[in-house]
Amino acid sequence: MYCVHHAWCHLFHVAGFSWVGQSKMRAAEQQDYAANHQEWLRKHTQSEARKEAKQKKKKKSTRKAKGSENKYAFVSQDEEDNDAAEGEKKATAGDSDSYVAWSDVRHFVILPNYKEDPDILREAIDSCAAFSCATAQMGFVLAMEAREPNVERKAHELIAEYKHKFKYIFATYHPPGLPNEMPGKASNTRWAAQRLWDFMKTEELHSDR
């Protein structure tokens, strides 16, 4: 009886979570991420413009207060009107020229692994390669452990297989025995992130993109 109950609960949970996961995946596939990014830029720019307008207003109030004590200090009405109009224009239209366009955004995925079967890694890589912008905007980092036997050969084979599916793909090799560090996923990921940062500098990729 216990085994039947356990098997039924396991089956129910697997089916339930699979249905939820597939529903979320279908919803994600229908998202227009470029449009979402542009909407975020518009709202962000409007928010920044309003903050700037408030700061200018506060500065003018301070200058006016000082002007009442100093007859030579004043703020012209034309200056106030021009600043107010400029702030309102930015808040309404959104000046996104100073922000990053969606096509310039770069996404990087770090996959830490140790003695994983190549077919298991391929499943993870394939799921990222299915991203519609993978070849134009995504970078993939194979975070390997240097202590794994024949690790460079495995990484090179995967890179050769998937290099046409990503904007960037390369491997990092976490060395063993680093001081004040425990071997594991976290230390491997940290090492890969540091190497990724160096790569971004070499490729002149800005950290805000």
C-alpha atoms as a PDB file:
ATOM      1  CA  MET A   1       0.000   0.000   0.000  1.00  0.00           C
ATOM      2  CA  TYR A   2       2.804   2.368   0.894  1.00  0.00           C
ATOM      3  CA  CYS A   3       4.595   1.669  -2.403  1.00  0.00           C
ATOM      4  CA  VAL A   4       1.426   2.322  -4.398  1.00  0.00           C
ATOM      5  CA  HIS A   5       0.818   5.580  -2.532  1.00  0.00           C
ATOM      6  CA  HIS A   6       4.448   6.647  -2.971  1.00  0.00           C
ATOM      7  CA  ALA A   7       4.422   5.824  -6.698  1.00  0.00           C
ATOM      8  CA  TRP A   8       1.141   7.703  -7.199  1.00  0.00           C
ATOM      9  CA  CYS A   9       2.424  10.811  -5.387  1.00  0.00           C
ATOM     10  CA  HIS A  10       5.657  10.727  -7.362  1.00  0.00           C
ATOM     11  CA  LEU A  11       3.798  10.400 -10.663  1.00  0.00           C
ATOM     12  CA  PHE A  12       1.394  13.200  -9.707  1.00  0.00           C
ATOM     13  CA  HIS A  13       4.202  15.573  -8.755  1.00  0.00           C
ATOM     14  CA  VAL A  14       6.236  14.824 -11.875  1.00  0.00           C
ATOM     15  CA  ALA A  15       3.218  15.356 -14.125  1.00  0.00           C
ATOM     16  CA  GLY A  16       2.181  18.502 -12.278  1.00  0.00           C
ATOM     17  CA  PHE A  17       5.597  20.140 -12.326  1.00  0.00           C
ATOM     18  CA  SER A  18       6.116  19.152 -15.965  1.00  0.00           C
ATOM     19  CA  TRP A  19       2.839  20.807 -16.919  1.00  0.00           C
ATOM     20  CA  VAL A  20       3.770  23.983 -15.025  1.00  0.00           C
ATOM     21  CA  GLY A  21       7.221  24.056 -16.614  1.00  0.00           C
ATOM     22  CA  GLN A  22       5.886  23.550 -20.120  1.00  0.00           C
ATOM     23  CA  SER A  23       3.265  26.272 -19.574  1.00  0.00           C
ATOM     24  CA  LYS A  24       5.952  28.714 -18.496  1.00  0.00           C
ATOM     25  CA  MET A  25       8.112  27.774 -21.474  1.00  0.00           C
ATOM     26  CA  ARG A  26       5.217  28.391 -23.885  1.00  0.00           C
ATOM     27  CA  ALA A  27       4.546  31.769 -22.249  1.00  0.00           C
ATOM     28  CA  ALA A  28       8.250  32.669 -22.531  1.00  0.00           C
ATOM     29  CA  GLU A  29       8.316  31.736 -26.214  1.00  0.00           C
ATOM     30  CA  GLN A  30       5.456  34.162 -26.890  1.00  0.00           C
ATOM     31  CA  GLN A  31       7.259  37.093 -25.241  1.00  0.00           C
ATOM     32  CA  ASP A  32       8.563  39.883 -27.447  1.00  0.00           C
ATOM     33  CA  TYR A  33      11.748  40.599 -25.525  1.00  0.00           C
ATOM     34  CA  ALA A  34      12.831  43.419 -27.827  1.00  0.00           C
ATOM     35  CA  ALA A  35       9.518  45.223 -27.243  1.00  0.00           C
ATOM     36  CA  ASN A  36       9.759  44.553 -23.503  1.00  0.00           C
ATOM     37  CA  HIS A  37      13.238  46.062 -23.481  1.00  0.00           C
ATOM     38  CA  GLN A  38      12.085  49.179 -25.322  1.00  0.00           C
ATOM     39  CA  GLU A  39       9.197  49.588 -22.877  1.00  0.00           C
ATOM     40  CA  TRP A  40      11.599  49.283 -19.964  1.00  0.00           C
ATOM     41  CA  LEU A  41      13.882  51.901 -21.513  1.00  0.00           C
ATOM     42  CA  ARG A  42      10.953  54.276 -21.969  1.00  0.00           C
ATOM     43  CA  LYS A  43       9.790  53.946 -18.365  1.00  0.00           C
ATOM     44  CA  HIS A  44      13.341  54.108 -17.023  1.00  0.00           C
ATOM     45  CA  THR A  45      14.092  57.245 -19.040  1.00  0.00           C
ATOM     46  CA  GLN A  46      10.899  58.908 -17.898  1.00  0.00           C
ATOM     47  CA  SER A  47      11.732  58.118 -14.283  1.00  0.00           C
ATOM     48  CA  GLU A  48      15.246  59.517 -14.644  1.00  0.00           C
ATOM     49  CA  ALA A  49      13.916  62.645 -16.373  1.00  0.00           C
ATOM     50  CA  ARG A  50      11.457  63.292 -13.561  1.00  0.00           C
ATOM     51  CA  LYS A  51      14.209  62.876 -10.978  1.00  0.00           C
ATOM     52  CA  GLU A  52      16.368  65.323 -12.904  1.00  0.00           C
ATOM     53  CA  ALA A  53      13.508  67.816 -13.104  1.00  0.00           C
ATOM     54  CA  LYS A  54      12.936  67.569  -9.334  1.00  0.00           C
ATOM     55  CA  GLN A  55      16.627  68.123  -8.655  1.00  0.00           C
ATOM     56  CA  LYS A  56      16.653  71.212 -10.884  1.00  0.00           C
ATOM     57  CA  LYS A  57      13.546  72.533  -9.162  1.00  0.00           C
ATOM     58  CA  LYS A  58      15.149  72.022  -5.779  1.00  0.00           C
ATOM     59  CA  LYS A  59      18.307  73.834  -6.905  1.00  0.00           C
ATOM     60  CA  LYS A  60      16.241  76.759  -8.227  1.00  0.00           C
ATOM     61  CA  SER A  61      14.403  77.005  -4.910  1.00  0.00           C
ATOM     62  CA  THR A  62      17.745  77.130  -3.116  1.00  0.00           C
ATOM     63  CA  ARG A  63      19.037  79.801  -5.507  1.00  0.00           C
ATOM     64  CA  LYS A  64      15.878  81.849  -5.047  1.00  0.00           C
ATOM     65  CA  ALA A  65      16.247  81.654  -1.290  1.00  0.00           C
ATOM     66  CA  LYS A  66      19.803  82.858  -1.575  1.00  0.00           C
ATOM     67  CA  GLY A  67      18.722  85.513  -4.059  1.00  0.00           C
ATOM     68  CA  SER A  68      16.397  87.025  -1.503  1.00  0.00           C
ATOM     69  CA  GLU A  69      19.481  87.629   0.610  1.00  0.00           C
ATOM     70  CA  ASN A  70      21.686  88.704  -2.293  1.00  0.00           C
ATOM     71  CA  LYS A  71      20.273  91.309  -4.673  1.00  0.00           C
ATOM     72  CA  TYR A  72      22.687  90.277  -7.436  1.00  0.00           C
ATOM     73  CA  ALA A  73      21.540  86.608  -7.512  1.00  0.00           C
ATOM     74  CA  PHE A  74      18.422  85.764  -9.515  1.00  0.00           C
ATOM     75  CA  VAL A  75      16.810  83.123 -11.737  1.00  0.00           C
ATOM     76  CA  SER A  76      15.132  84.382 -14.886  1.00  0.00           C
ATOM     77  CA  GLN A  77      11.617  83.278 -15.776  1.00  0.00           C
ATOM     78  CA  ASP A  78      12.808  82.235 -19.245  1.00  0.00           C
ATOM     79  CA  GLU A  79      15.389  79.900 -17.696  1.00  0.00           C
ATOM     80  CA  GLU A  80      12.727  78.321 -15.494  1.00  0.00           C
ATOM     81  CA  ASP A  81      10.355  77.848 -18.420  1.00  0.00           C
ATOM     82  CA  ASN A  82      13.029  76.294 -20.653  1.00  0.00           C
ATOM     83  CA  ASP A  83      14.179  73.836 -17.982  1.00  0.00           C
ATOM     84  CA  ALA A  84      10.609  72.856 -17.164  1.00  0.00           C
ATOM     85  CA  ALA A  85       9.777  72.285 -20.837  1.00  0.00           C
ATOM     86  CA  GLU A  86      12.920  70.205 -21.349  1.00  0.00           C
ATOM     87  CA  GLY A  87      12.151  68.022 -18.322  1.00  0.00           C
ATOM     88  CA  GLU A  88       8.569  67.501 -19.417  1.00  0.00           C
ATOM     89  CA  LYS A  89       9.682  66.586 -22.947  1.00  0.00           C
ATOM     90  CA  LYS A  90      12.084  63.936 -21.633  1.00  0.00           C
ATOM     91  CA  ALA A  91       9.514  62.558 -19.214  1.00  0.00           C
ATOM     92  CA  THR A  92       6.855  62.306 -21.918  1.00  0.00           C
ATOM     93  CA  ALA A  93       8.803  61.068 -24.932  1.00  0.00           C
ATOM     94  CA  GLY A  94      11.696  59.275 -23.280  1.00  0.00           C
ATOM     95  CA  ASP A  95      15.207  60.064 -24.439  1.00  0.00           C
ATOM     96  CA  SER A  96      16.628  56.581 -24.949  1.00  0.00           C
ATOM     97  CA  ASP A  97      19.677  57.630 -26.982  1.00  0.00           C
ATOM     98  CA  SER A  98      21.879  57.337 -23.906  1.00  0.00           C
ATOM     99  CA  TYR A  99      20.684  53.793 -23.189  1.00  0.00           C
ATOM    100  CA  VAL A 100      21.469  50.454 -24.756  1.00  0.00           C
ATOM    101  CA  ALA A 101      19.347  49.228 -27.636  1.00  0.00           C
ATOM    102  CA  TRP A 102      18.045  45.658 -27.447  1.00  0.00           C
ATOM    103  CA  SER A 103      20.183  44.562 -30.396  1.00  0.00           C
ATOM    104  CA  ASP A 104      23.303  45.680 -28.475  1.00  0.00           C
ATOM    105  CA  VAL A 105      22.497  43.660 -25.347  1.00  0.00           C
ATOM    106  CA  ARG A 106      24.718  40.609 -24.778  1.00  0.00           C
ATOM    107  CA  HIS A 107      23.663  37.585 -22.714  1.00  0.00           C
ATOM    108  CA  PHE A 108      26.191  35.162 -21.216  1.00  0.00           C
ATOM    109  CA  VAL A 109      25.449  31.723 -19.794  1.00  0.00           C
ATOM    110  CA  ILE A 110      27.983  30.018 -17.527  1.00  0.00           C
ATOM    111  CA  LEU A 111      27.700  26.218 -17.311  1.00  0.00           C
ATOM    112  CA  PRO A 112      29.854  24.810 -14.483  1.00  0.00           C
ATOM    113  CA  ASN A 113      30.447  21.080 -14.776  1.00  0.00           C
ATOM    114  CA  TYR A 114      32.743  18.304 -13.610  1.00  0.00           C
ATOM    115  CA  LYS A 115      32.960  14.877 -15.227  1.00  0.00           C
ATOM    116  CA  GLU A 116      29.549  15.336 -16.823  1.00  0.00           C
ATOM    117  CA  ASP A 117      28.643  13.142 -19.746  1.00  0.00           C
ATOM    118  CA  PRO A 118      28.924  15.150 -22.995  1.00  0.00           C
ATOM    119  CA  ASP A 119      25.367  14.219 -23.959  1.00  0.00           C
ATOM    120  CA  ILE A 120      24.078  15.748 -20.705  1.00  0.00           C
ATOM    121  CA  LEU A 121      25.997  18.930 -21.492  1.00  0.00           C
ATOM    122  CA  ARG A 122      24.582  18.941 -25.007  1.00  0.00           C
ATOM    123  CA  GLU A 123      21.044  18.945 -23.621  1.00  0.00           C
ATOM    124  CA  ALA A 124      21.814  22.078 -21.592  1.00  0.00           C
ATOM    125  CA  ILE A 125      23.615  23.766 -24.468  1.00  0.00           C
ATOM    126  CA  ASP A 126      20.820  22.922 -26.919  1.00  0.00           C
ATOM    127  CA  SER A 127      18.242  24.566 -24.671  1.00  0.00           C
ATOM    128  CA  CYS A 128      20.242  27.817 -24.796  1.00  0.00           C
ATOM    129  CA  ALA A 129      20.975  27.506 -28.517  1.00  0.00           C
ATOM    130  CA  ALA A 130      17.213  27.436 -29.111  1.00  0.00           C
ATOM    131  CA  PHE A 131      17.064  31.090 -28.015  1.00  0.00           C
ATOM    132  CA  SER A 132      16.107  33.129 -31.088  1.00  0.00           C
ATOM    133  CA  CYS A 133      18.955  35.622 -30.538  1.00  0.00           C
ATOM    134  CA  ALA A 134      21.653  33.084 -29.611  1.00  0.00           C
ATOM    135  CA  THR A 135      23.755  33.553 -32.741  1.00  0.00           C
ATOM    136  CA  ALA A 136      23.602  37.358 -32.542  1.00  0.00           C
ATOM    137  CA  GLN A 137      23.549  38.155 -28.825  1.00  0.00           C
ATOM    138  CA  MET A 138      24.389  35.174 -26.593  1.00  0.00           C
ATOM    139  CA  GLY A 139      27.716  33.975 -25.269  1.00  0.00           C
ATOM    140  CA  PHE A 140      28.234  30.533 -23.720  1.00  0.00           C
ATOM    141  CA  VAL A 141      30.944  29.722 -21.188  1.00  0.00           C
ATOM    142  CA  LEU A 142      31.877  26.098 -20.500  1.00  0.00           C
ATOM    143  CA  ALA A 143      33.194  26.268 -16.941  1.00  0.00           C
ATOM    144  CA  MET A 144      35.387  23.182 -16.752  1.00  0.00           C
ATOM    145  CA  GLU A 145      37.481  21.779 -13.900  1.00  0.00           C
ATOM    146  CA  ALA A 146      41.150  21.498 -14.851  1.00  0.00           C
ATOM    147  CA  ARG A 147      41.537  18.377 -12.673  1.00  0.00           C
ATOM    148  CA  GLU A 148      39.125  16.395 -14.874  1.00  0.00           C
ATOM    149  CA  PRO A 149      40.977  13.950 -17.179  1.00  0.00           C
ATOM    150  CA  ASN A 150      40.957  14.887 -20.881  1.00  0.00           C
ATOM    151  CA  VAL A 151      38.908  17.976 -20.085  1.00  0.00           C
ATOM    152  CA  GLU A 152      40.411  20.170 -22.802  1.00  0.00           C
ATOM    153  CA  ARG A 153      39.587  17.631 -25.493  1.00  0.00           C
ATOM    154  CA  LYS A 154      35.965  17.456 -24.318  1.00  0.00           C
ATOM    155  CA  ALA A 155      35.654  21.238 -24.241  1.00  0.00           C
ATOM    156  CA  HIS A 156      37.214  21.675 -27.689  1.00  0.00           C
ATOM    157  CA  GLU A 157      34.847  19.120 -29.204  1.00  0.00           C
ATOM    158  CA  LEU A 158      31.801  20.907 -27.754  1.00  0.00           C
ATOM    159  CA  ILE A 159      33.061  24.297 -28.879  1.00  0.00           C
ATOM    160  CA  ALA A 160      33.654  23.029 -32.410  1.00  0.00           C
ATOM    161  CA  GLU A 161      30.154  21.531 -32.437  1.00  0.00           C
ATOM    162  CA  TYR A 162      28.343  24.641 -31.197  1.00  0.00           C
ATOM    163  CA  LYS A 163      30.480  27.575 -32.319  1.00  0.00           C
ATOM    164  CA  HIS A 164      28.067  28.421 -35.159  1.00  0.00           C
ATOM    165  CA  LYS A 165      25.089  28.542 -32.769  1.00  0.00           C
ATOM    166  CA  PHE A 166      26.336  31.292 -30.427  1.00  0.00           C
ATOM    167  CA  LYS A 167      27.793  34.757 -30.745  1.00  0.00           C
ATOM    168  CA  TYR A 168      30.624  33.642 -28.458  1.00  0.00           C
ATOM    169  CA  ILE A 169      31.550  30.299 -26.943  1.00  0.00           C
ATOM    170  CA  PHE A 170      34.686  29.415 -25.003  1.00  0.00           C
ATOM    171  CA  ALA A 171      35.854  27.305 -22.065  1.00  0.00           C
ATOM    172  CA  THR A 172      37.506  28.135 -18.764  1.00  0.00           C
ATOM    173  CA  TYR A 173      39.535  25.718 -16.668  1.00  0.00           C
ATOM    174  CA  HIS A 174      39.298  26.111 -12.908  1.00  0.00           C
ATOM    175  CA  PRO A 175      42.686  25.158 -11.426  1.00  0.00           C
ATOM    176  CA  PRO A 176      42.767  22.977  -8.308  1.00  0.00           C
ATOM    177  CA  GLY A 177      44.433  23.910  -5.050  1.00  0.00           C
ATOM    178  CA  LEU A 178      43.819  27.656  -5.057  1.00  0.00           C
ATOM    179  CA  PRO A 179      44.399  29.209  -1.622  1.00  0.00           C
ATOM    180  CA  ASN A 180      41.388  29.851   0.635  1.00  0.00           C
ATOM    181  CA  GLU A 181      39.055  28.024  -1.741  1.00  0.00           C
ATOM    182  CA  MET A 182      37.005  24.854  -1.598  1.00  0.00           C
ATOM    183  CA  PRO A 183      36.595  22.865  -4.828  1.00  0.00           C
ATOM    184  CA  GLY A 184      33.041  22.839  -6.113  1.00  0.00           C
ATOM    185  CA  LYS A 185      30.439  24.481  -8.275  1.00  0.00           C
ATOM    186  CA  ALA A 186      30.644  27.903  -6.596  1.00  0.00           C
ATOM    187  CA  SER A 187      34.417  28.253  -6.927  1.00  0.00           C
ATOM    188  CA  ASN A 188      34.290  27.005 -10.531  1.00  0.00           C
ATOM    189  CA  THR A 189      31.568  29.511 -11.414  1.00  0.00           C
ATOM    190  CA  ARG A 190      33.488  32.329  -9.732  1.00  0.00           C
ATOM    191  CA  TRP A 191      36.626  31.489 -11.729  1.00  0.00           C
ATOM    192  CA  ALA A 192      34.617  31.363 -14.958  1.00  0.00           C
ATOM    193  CA  ALA A 193      32.973  34.722 -14.183  1.00  0.00           C
ATOM    194  CA  GLN A 194      36.399  36.311 -13.669  1.00  0.00           C
ATOM    195  CA  ARG A 195      37.616  34.927 -16.993  1.00  0.00           C
ATOM    196  CA  LEU A 196      34.408  36.149 -18.632  1.00  0.00           C
ATOM    197  CA  TRP A 197      35.080  39.636 -17.277  1.00  0.00           C
ATOM    198  CA  ASP A 198      38.554  39.530 -18.851  1.00  0.00           C
ATOM    199  CA  PHE A 199      37.011  38.359 -22.120  1.00  0.00           C
ATOM    200  CA  MET A 200      34.533  41.249 -22.086  1.00  0.00           C
ATOM    201  CA  LYS A 201      37.378  43.720 -21.649  1.00  0.00           C
ATOM    202  CA  THR A 202      39.309  42.135 -24.517  1.00  0.00           C
ATOM    203  CA  GLU A 203      36.255  42.276 -26.788  1.00  0.00           C
ATOM    204  CA  GLU A 204      35.508  45.828 -25.563  1.00  0.00           C
ATOM    205  CA  LEU A 205      32.082  44.805 -24.296  1.00  0.00           C
ATOM    206  CA  HIS A 206      30.723  47.247 -21.739  1.00  0.00           C
ATOM    207  CA  SER A 207      29.500  45.789 -18.448  1.00  0.00           C
ATOM    208  CA  ASP A 208      26.143  47.599 -18.826  1.00  0.00           C
ATOM    209  CA  ARG A 209      25.430  45.653 -22.043  1.00  0.00           C
END
